[in-house]
N, C-alpha and C. Protein backbone atom coordinates (compact mmCIF):
# COMPACT_ATOMS: atom_id res chain seq x y z
N MET A 1 10.91 -3.63 -13.79
CA MET A 1 10.25 -2.50 -13.15
C MET A 1 10.84 -2.34 -11.70
N ASN A 2 11.15 -1.08 -11.46
CA ASN A 2 11.74 -0.80 -10.20
C ASN A 2 10.65 -0.28 -9.21
N LYS A 3 11.05 0.05 -8.03
CA LYS A 3 10.05 0.40 -6.95
C LYS A 3 9.34 1.72 -7.37
N GLN A 4 10.08 2.67 -7.87
CA GLN A 4 9.42 3.96 -8.26
C GLN A 4 8.45 3.78 -9.40
N GLU A 5 8.73 3.02 -10.33
CA GLU A 5 7.86 2.66 -11.44
C GLU A 5 6.61 1.98 -11.02
N PHE A 6 6.87 0.99 -10.10
CA PHE A 6 5.74 0.23 -9.52
C PHE A 6 4.82 1.19 -8.79
N MET A 7 5.30 1.98 -7.95
CA MET A 7 4.47 2.91 -7.06
C MET A 7 3.79 3.97 -7.97
N GLN A 8 4.42 4.42 -9.00
CA GLN A 8 3.79 5.37 -9.92
C GLN A 8 2.58 4.69 -10.53
N GLU A 9 2.76 3.42 -11.07
CA GLU A 9 1.56 2.77 -11.72
C GLU A 9 0.51 2.44 -10.71
N LEU A 10 0.86 2.09 -9.51
CA LEU A 10 -0.12 1.82 -8.49
C LEU A 10 -0.91 3.05 -8.16
N ASN A 11 -0.24 4.12 -7.93
CA ASN A 11 -0.94 5.41 -7.67
C ASN A 11 -1.84 5.85 -8.83
N ARG A 12 -1.38 5.58 -10.06
CA ARG A 12 -2.18 5.97 -11.28
C ARG A 12 -3.52 5.09 -11.26
N LEU A 13 -3.35 3.78 -10.95
CA LEU A 13 -4.56 2.93 -10.86
C LEU A 13 -5.51 3.38 -9.78
N LYS A 14 -5.01 3.79 -8.59
CA LYS A 14 -5.84 4.17 -7.45
C LYS A 14 -6.58 5.49 -7.96
N LYS A 15 -5.87 6.43 -8.55
CA LYS A 15 -6.47 7.72 -8.91
C LYS A 15 -7.56 7.44 -9.97
N GLU A 16 -7.24 6.60 -10.90
CA GLU A 16 -8.20 6.25 -11.95
C GLU A 16 -9.48 5.60 -11.36
N PHE A 17 -9.28 4.80 -10.33
CA PHE A 17 -10.49 4.10 -9.72
C PHE A 17 -11.25 5.17 -8.99
N THR A 18 -10.62 6.03 -8.18
CA THR A 18 -11.35 6.97 -7.26
C THR A 18 -12.03 8.06 -8.18
N ASP A 19 -11.42 8.33 -9.36
CA ASP A 19 -12.06 9.35 -10.20
C ASP A 19 -13.26 8.77 -11.10
N SER A 20 -13.32 7.48 -11.09
CA SER A 20 -14.30 6.80 -11.98
C SER A 20 -15.70 6.66 -11.24
N ASP A 21 -16.74 6.85 -11.98
CA ASP A 21 -18.11 6.67 -11.50
C ASP A 21 -18.71 5.36 -11.98
N SER A 22 -17.87 4.43 -12.44
CA SER A 22 -18.37 3.22 -12.99
C SER A 22 -18.97 2.38 -11.82
N ASN A 23 -19.84 1.49 -12.28
CA ASN A 23 -20.50 0.56 -11.38
C ASN A 23 -20.40 -0.89 -11.88
N PRO A 24 -19.31 -1.47 -11.76
CA PRO A 24 -19.16 -2.83 -12.39
C PRO A 24 -20.07 -3.84 -11.85
N GLY A 25 -20.67 -4.64 -12.78
CA GLY A 25 -21.55 -5.73 -12.39
C GLY A 25 -22.92 -5.24 -11.91
N SER A 26 -23.19 -3.92 -11.93
CA SER A 26 -24.48 -3.41 -11.47
C SER A 26 -25.42 -3.36 -12.59
N PHE A 27 -26.79 -3.33 -12.16
CA PHE A 27 -27.86 -3.27 -13.08
C PHE A 27 -28.89 -2.28 -12.72
N GLU A 28 -29.23 -1.38 -13.65
CA GLU A 28 -30.27 -0.36 -13.47
C GLU A 28 -29.98 0.55 -12.25
N CYS A 29 -28.69 0.87 -12.00
CA CYS A 29 -28.40 1.84 -10.94
C CYS A 29 -28.30 3.22 -11.50
N ARG A 30 -28.88 4.17 -10.82
CA ARG A 30 -28.92 5.51 -11.38
C ARG A 30 -28.20 6.51 -10.39
N GLN A 31 -27.33 7.32 -10.98
CA GLN A 31 -26.61 8.27 -10.25
C GLN A 31 -25.76 7.66 -9.08
N CYS A 32 -25.36 6.38 -9.25
CA CYS A 32 -24.50 5.76 -8.31
C CYS A 32 -23.00 5.84 -8.72
N ALA A 33 -22.07 5.71 -7.83
CA ALA A 33 -20.74 5.78 -8.24
C ALA A 33 -19.92 4.70 -7.37
N GLN A 34 -19.11 3.99 -8.09
CA GLN A 34 -18.28 2.93 -7.49
C GLN A 34 -19.01 1.92 -6.74
N CYS A 35 -20.17 1.55 -7.17
CA CYS A 35 -20.91 0.44 -6.60
C CYS A 35 -20.71 -0.80 -7.41
N THR A 36 -20.63 -1.95 -6.78
CA THR A 36 -20.35 -3.24 -7.47
C THR A 36 -21.40 -4.23 -7.23
N SER A 37 -21.95 -4.77 -8.30
CA SER A 37 -22.93 -5.79 -8.30
C SER A 37 -24.21 -5.37 -7.59
N CYS A 38 -24.59 -4.13 -7.75
CA CYS A 38 -25.83 -3.61 -7.08
C CYS A 38 -26.95 -3.69 -8.16
N GLN A 39 -28.20 -3.57 -7.68
CA GLN A 39 -29.33 -3.59 -8.58
C GLN A 39 -30.34 -2.63 -8.15
N PHE A 40 -30.94 -1.83 -9.07
CA PHE A 40 -32.02 -0.91 -8.83
C PHE A 40 -31.73 0.12 -7.74
N CYS A 41 -30.50 0.54 -7.58
CA CYS A 41 -30.13 1.51 -6.54
C CYS A 41 -30.07 2.92 -7.16
N GLN A 42 -30.17 3.93 -6.34
CA GLN A 42 -30.17 5.30 -6.77
C GLN A 42 -29.35 6.12 -5.85
N ALA A 43 -28.41 6.89 -6.44
CA ALA A 43 -27.52 7.87 -5.68
C ALA A 43 -26.71 7.24 -4.65
N CYS A 44 -26.29 6.04 -4.77
CA CYS A 44 -25.47 5.34 -3.78
C CYS A 44 -23.96 5.52 -4.12
N ARG A 45 -23.13 5.26 -3.19
CA ARG A 45 -21.62 5.34 -3.40
C ARG A 45 -20.91 4.29 -2.67
N ASN A 46 -20.06 3.60 -3.34
CA ASN A 46 -19.16 2.55 -2.74
C ASN A 46 -19.97 1.50 -2.05
N CYS A 47 -21.00 0.94 -2.64
CA CYS A 47 -21.85 -0.08 -2.08
C CYS A 47 -21.53 -1.39 -2.84
N TYR A 48 -21.81 -2.47 -2.18
CA TYR A 48 -21.54 -3.86 -2.76
C TYR A 48 -22.78 -4.73 -2.55
N ARG A 49 -23.27 -5.22 -3.69
CA ARG A 49 -24.42 -6.21 -3.65
C ARG A 49 -25.66 -5.71 -2.93
N CYS A 50 -25.99 -4.47 -3.13
CA CYS A 50 -27.17 -3.85 -2.54
C CYS A 50 -28.26 -3.86 -3.63
N THR A 51 -29.54 -3.85 -3.18
CA THR A 51 -30.66 -3.71 -4.09
C THR A 51 -31.69 -2.70 -3.53
N HIS A 52 -32.25 -1.95 -4.48
CA HIS A 52 -33.26 -0.99 -4.15
C HIS A 52 -32.93 -0.06 -3.00
N CYS A 53 -31.67 0.35 -2.94
CA CYS A 53 -31.26 1.33 -1.87
C CYS A 53 -31.14 2.72 -2.53
N ASN A 54 -31.33 3.69 -1.67
CA ASN A 54 -31.26 5.09 -2.10
C ASN A 54 -30.36 5.89 -1.15
N ASN A 55 -29.42 6.63 -1.85
CA ASN A 55 -28.54 7.52 -1.13
C ASN A 55 -27.78 6.84 0.01
N CYS A 56 -27.35 5.64 -0.22
CA CYS A 56 -26.53 4.94 0.76
C CYS A 56 -25.07 4.97 0.42
N GLU A 57 -24.28 4.81 1.38
CA GLU A 57 -22.78 4.83 1.18
C GLU A 57 -22.06 3.83 1.99
N GLN A 58 -21.15 3.09 1.32
CA GLN A 58 -20.35 2.01 1.86
C GLN A 58 -21.20 1.01 2.57
N CYS A 59 -22.24 0.60 2.01
CA CYS A 59 -23.17 -0.44 2.43
C CYS A 59 -22.92 -1.81 1.64
N SER A 60 -23.28 -2.95 2.21
CA SER A 60 -23.12 -4.16 1.43
C SER A 60 -24.29 -5.08 1.86
N HIS A 61 -24.63 -5.92 0.86
CA HIS A 61 -25.68 -6.90 1.08
C HIS A 61 -26.94 -6.35 1.72
N SER A 62 -27.34 -5.16 1.37
CA SER A 62 -28.50 -4.55 1.95
C SER A 62 -29.52 -4.25 0.95
N SER A 63 -30.82 -4.14 1.40
CA SER A 63 -31.88 -3.91 0.41
C SER A 63 -32.91 -2.91 1.02
N HIS A 64 -33.44 -2.05 0.16
CA HIS A 64 -34.50 -1.13 0.44
C HIS A 64 -34.06 -0.19 1.58
N CYS A 65 -32.82 0.14 1.70
CA CYS A 65 -32.32 1.09 2.74
C CYS A 65 -32.27 2.55 2.13
N ILE A 66 -32.45 3.50 2.97
CA ILE A 66 -32.37 4.96 2.54
C ILE A 66 -31.54 5.68 3.45
N ASP A 67 -30.61 6.49 2.84
CA ASP A 67 -29.73 7.43 3.68
C ASP A 67 -28.92 6.65 4.68
N CYS A 68 -28.49 5.51 4.41
CA CYS A 68 -27.66 4.71 5.37
C CYS A 68 -26.17 4.75 5.06
N ARG A 69 -25.36 4.62 6.09
CA ARG A 69 -23.89 4.61 5.93
C ARG A 69 -23.37 3.44 6.62
N GLN A 70 -22.44 2.73 5.97
CA GLN A 70 -21.68 1.56 6.47
C GLN A 70 -22.61 0.56 7.18
N CYS A 71 -23.71 0.21 6.54
CA CYS A 71 -24.63 -0.81 7.05
C CYS A 71 -24.44 -2.10 6.23
N HIS A 72 -24.51 -3.21 6.89
CA HIS A 72 -24.20 -4.45 6.17
C HIS A 72 -25.24 -5.47 6.53
N ASN A 73 -25.76 -6.10 5.43
CA ASN A 73 -26.78 -7.09 5.54
C ASN A 73 -28.01 -6.59 6.36
N CYS A 74 -28.49 -5.36 5.88
CA CYS A 74 -29.56 -4.73 6.49
C CYS A 74 -30.73 -4.58 5.45
N ALA A 75 -32.01 -4.41 5.93
CA ALA A 75 -33.15 -4.22 5.08
C ALA A 75 -34.05 -3.23 5.61
N TYR A 76 -34.60 -2.38 4.82
CA TYR A 76 -35.65 -1.41 5.21
C TYR A 76 -35.15 -0.46 6.33
N CYS A 77 -33.86 -0.05 6.30
CA CYS A 77 -33.36 0.78 7.29
C CYS A 77 -33.32 2.26 6.73
N VAL A 78 -33.46 3.26 7.58
CA VAL A 78 -33.52 4.63 7.18
C VAL A 78 -32.61 5.46 8.04
N ASP A 79 -31.73 6.20 7.39
CA ASP A 79 -30.87 7.20 8.10
C ASP A 79 -30.17 6.53 9.29
N SER A 80 -29.60 5.37 9.04
CA SER A 80 -28.83 4.62 10.09
C SER A 80 -27.42 4.47 9.64
N LYS A 81 -26.60 4.16 10.69
CA LYS A 81 -25.14 4.12 10.37
C LYS A 81 -24.53 2.96 11.16
N ASN A 82 -23.60 2.32 10.48
CA ASN A 82 -22.76 1.28 11.07
C ASN A 82 -23.59 0.23 11.79
N CYS A 83 -24.57 -0.31 11.11
CA CYS A 83 -25.46 -1.35 11.62
C CYS A 83 -25.26 -2.55 10.77
N SER A 84 -25.57 -3.73 11.38
CA SER A 84 -25.49 -4.99 10.57
C SER A 84 -26.54 -6.03 11.03
N ASN A 85 -26.85 -6.78 10.03
CA ASN A 85 -27.82 -7.98 10.20
C ASN A 85 -29.13 -7.43 10.93
N SER A 86 -29.63 -6.31 10.44
CA SER A 86 -30.79 -5.61 11.05
C SER A 86 -31.81 -5.34 10.04
N LYS A 87 -33.09 -5.09 10.52
CA LYS A 87 -34.23 -4.72 9.63
C LYS A 87 -35.04 -3.68 10.35
N TYR A 88 -35.55 -2.77 9.49
CA TYR A 88 -36.53 -1.79 10.00
C TYR A 88 -35.91 -0.86 11.09
N LEU A 89 -34.71 -0.42 10.84
CA LEU A 89 -34.08 0.60 11.77
C LEU A 89 -34.35 1.96 11.28
N TYR A 90 -34.54 2.95 12.18
CA TYR A 90 -34.77 4.34 11.77
C TYR A 90 -33.94 5.20 12.72
N LEU A 91 -33.08 6.05 12.16
CA LEU A 91 -32.20 6.92 12.94
C LEU A 91 -31.39 6.19 14.00
N SER A 92 -30.89 5.03 13.61
CA SER A 92 -30.11 4.25 14.54
C SER A 92 -28.60 4.10 14.21
N GLU A 93 -27.80 3.72 15.16
CA GLU A 93 -26.37 3.68 14.93
C GLU A 93 -25.77 2.46 15.72
N SER A 94 -24.90 1.76 15.06
CA SER A 94 -24.17 0.75 15.61
C SER A 94 -25.02 -0.34 16.33
N CYS A 95 -26.10 -0.74 15.63
CA CYS A 95 -27.01 -1.73 16.12
C CYS A 95 -26.75 -3.11 15.33
N ILE A 96 -26.72 -4.27 16.00
CA ILE A 96 -26.45 -5.50 15.38
C ILE A 96 -27.56 -6.51 15.76
N ASP A 97 -28.08 -7.16 14.71
CA ASP A 97 -29.11 -8.14 14.83
C ASP A 97 -30.36 -7.59 15.56
N CYS A 98 -30.73 -6.37 15.13
CA CYS A 98 -31.96 -5.71 15.67
C CYS A 98 -32.98 -5.59 14.68
N THR A 99 -34.29 -5.54 15.14
CA THR A 99 -35.38 -5.36 14.33
C THR A 99 -36.34 -4.29 14.97
N TYR A 100 -36.85 -3.41 14.12
CA TYR A 100 -37.79 -2.37 14.58
C TYR A 100 -37.20 -1.55 15.79
N CYS A 101 -36.12 -0.80 15.48
CA CYS A 101 -35.55 0.02 16.40
C CYS A 101 -35.55 1.52 15.90
N PHE A 102 -35.84 2.43 16.71
CA PHE A 102 -36.02 3.86 16.28
C PHE A 102 -35.16 4.75 17.21
N GLY A 103 -34.21 5.36 16.67
CA GLY A 103 -33.32 6.23 17.46
C GLY A 103 -32.41 5.46 18.41
N CYS A 104 -32.03 4.33 18.12
CA CYS A 104 -31.21 3.51 19.07
C CYS A 104 -29.78 3.49 18.72
N VAL A 105 -28.95 3.29 19.72
CA VAL A 105 -27.51 3.38 19.62
C VAL A 105 -26.89 2.22 20.33
N GLY A 106 -26.07 1.40 19.63
CA GLY A 106 -25.30 0.35 20.30
C GLY A 106 -26.03 -0.77 20.82
N LEU A 107 -27.21 -1.15 20.28
CA LEU A 107 -27.99 -2.35 20.69
C LEU A 107 -27.61 -3.57 19.93
N GLY A 108 -27.76 -4.69 20.58
CA GLY A 108 -27.57 -5.99 19.93
C GLY A 108 -28.65 -6.99 20.29
N ARG A 109 -29.20 -7.56 19.21
CA ARG A 109 -30.31 -8.49 19.29
C ARG A 109 -31.51 -7.99 20.15
N LYS A 110 -31.98 -6.83 19.69
CA LYS A 110 -33.15 -6.21 20.33
C LYS A 110 -34.19 -6.01 19.30
N ASP A 111 -35.45 -5.98 19.76
CA ASP A 111 -36.59 -5.70 18.94
C ASP A 111 -37.55 -4.68 19.59
N PHE A 112 -38.14 -3.76 18.82
CA PHE A 112 -39.11 -2.82 19.31
C PHE A 112 -38.59 -1.95 20.32
N HIS A 113 -37.53 -1.27 20.05
CA HIS A 113 -36.91 -0.31 20.96
C HIS A 113 -36.97 1.12 20.42
N ILE A 114 -37.17 2.13 21.25
CA ILE A 114 -37.09 3.49 20.92
C ILE A 114 -36.19 4.17 21.98
N LEU A 115 -35.16 4.86 21.35
CA LEU A 115 -34.15 5.39 22.24
C LEU A 115 -33.63 4.45 23.26
N ASN A 116 -33.41 3.17 22.82
CA ASN A 116 -32.83 2.13 23.61
C ASN A 116 -33.76 1.64 24.75
N GLU A 117 -34.98 1.96 24.65
CA GLU A 117 -35.98 1.44 25.66
C GLU A 117 -36.92 0.52 24.96
N LYS A 118 -37.25 -0.58 25.63
CA LYS A 118 -38.16 -1.66 25.10
C LYS A 118 -39.61 -1.16 25.16
N PHE A 119 -40.34 -1.45 24.01
CA PHE A 119 -41.79 -1.22 23.98
C PHE A 119 -42.49 -2.45 23.43
N ASP A 120 -43.70 -2.68 23.85
CA ASP A 120 -44.46 -3.76 23.21
C ASP A 120 -44.76 -3.34 21.73
N ARG A 121 -45.12 -4.31 20.98
CA ARG A 121 -45.28 -4.12 19.51
C ARG A 121 -46.19 -2.96 19.17
N GLN A 122 -47.37 -2.94 19.69
CA GLN A 122 -48.41 -1.90 19.34
C GLN A 122 -47.96 -0.57 19.87
N ALA A 123 -47.35 -0.43 21.06
CA ALA A 123 -46.91 0.83 21.60
C ALA A 123 -45.83 1.32 20.71
N TYR A 124 -44.91 0.46 20.26
CA TYR A 124 -43.79 0.85 19.37
C TYR A 124 -44.34 1.58 18.06
N PHE A 125 -45.34 0.92 17.43
CA PHE A 125 -45.85 1.46 16.18
C PHE A 125 -46.61 2.73 16.44
N ASP A 126 -47.30 2.77 17.46
CA ASP A 126 -48.11 4.05 17.82
C ASP A 126 -47.16 5.14 18.07
N LEU A 127 -46.10 4.98 18.88
CA LEU A 127 -45.15 6.02 19.15
C LEU A 127 -44.27 6.42 18.01
N THR A 128 -43.82 5.46 17.26
CA THR A 128 -43.00 5.81 16.08
C THR A 128 -43.79 6.61 15.04
N ASP A 129 -45.08 6.32 14.89
CA ASP A 129 -45.88 7.12 13.93
C ASP A 129 -45.98 8.56 14.40
N LYS A 130 -46.15 8.81 15.78
CA LYS A 130 -46.20 10.15 16.29
C LYS A 130 -44.77 10.82 16.19
N LEU A 131 -43.76 10.05 16.47
CA LEU A 131 -42.41 10.59 16.39
C LEU A 131 -41.97 11.06 14.92
N LYS A 132 -42.45 10.27 13.94
CA LYS A 132 -42.16 10.57 12.54
C LYS A 132 -42.87 11.82 12.18
N ARG A 133 -44.11 12.03 12.61
CA ARG A 133 -44.88 13.24 12.26
C ARG A 133 -44.20 14.40 13.01
N ALA A 134 -43.91 14.26 14.32
CA ALA A 134 -43.22 15.34 15.04
C ALA A 134 -41.89 15.74 14.52
N LEU A 135 -41.15 14.87 14.04
CA LEU A 135 -39.84 15.11 13.40
C LEU A 135 -39.87 15.49 11.94
N GLY A 136 -41.08 15.43 11.35
CA GLY A 136 -41.15 15.76 9.93
C GLY A 136 -40.57 14.72 9.07
N LEU A 137 -40.63 13.45 9.43
CA LEU A 137 -40.09 12.36 8.64
C LEU A 137 -41.11 11.60 7.93
N ARG A 138 -40.65 10.87 6.92
CA ARG A 138 -41.64 10.16 6.08
C ARG A 138 -41.88 8.74 6.66
């Protein structure tokens, strides 16, 4: 096999993969494409080992996330992007090791923050309930 033949075959394999909607090793995934070893996900794309996620893309080891992009090892996050090792994030981006953050960007190891400001637990939940209603969010 020469270089040209090798490159042709490699390009064919890449095209075949990107054109495929298969989900190898996944179980009960609906309308997902190119997800691997995921379970009970819906409308996800290019995810790995996620469970119960909806409309997520390029996430891994995450569960119960909705509308997230490039989140890793996250749980119960909504409309968040590029976050890792976090839980209960909402409309947040680039947060690491965070819990209960709403509309936060670039935080690390923080809890109960709204727009990068710290709140006590009760104030956080009171304010996020009001914000969700005001923003028309679920």
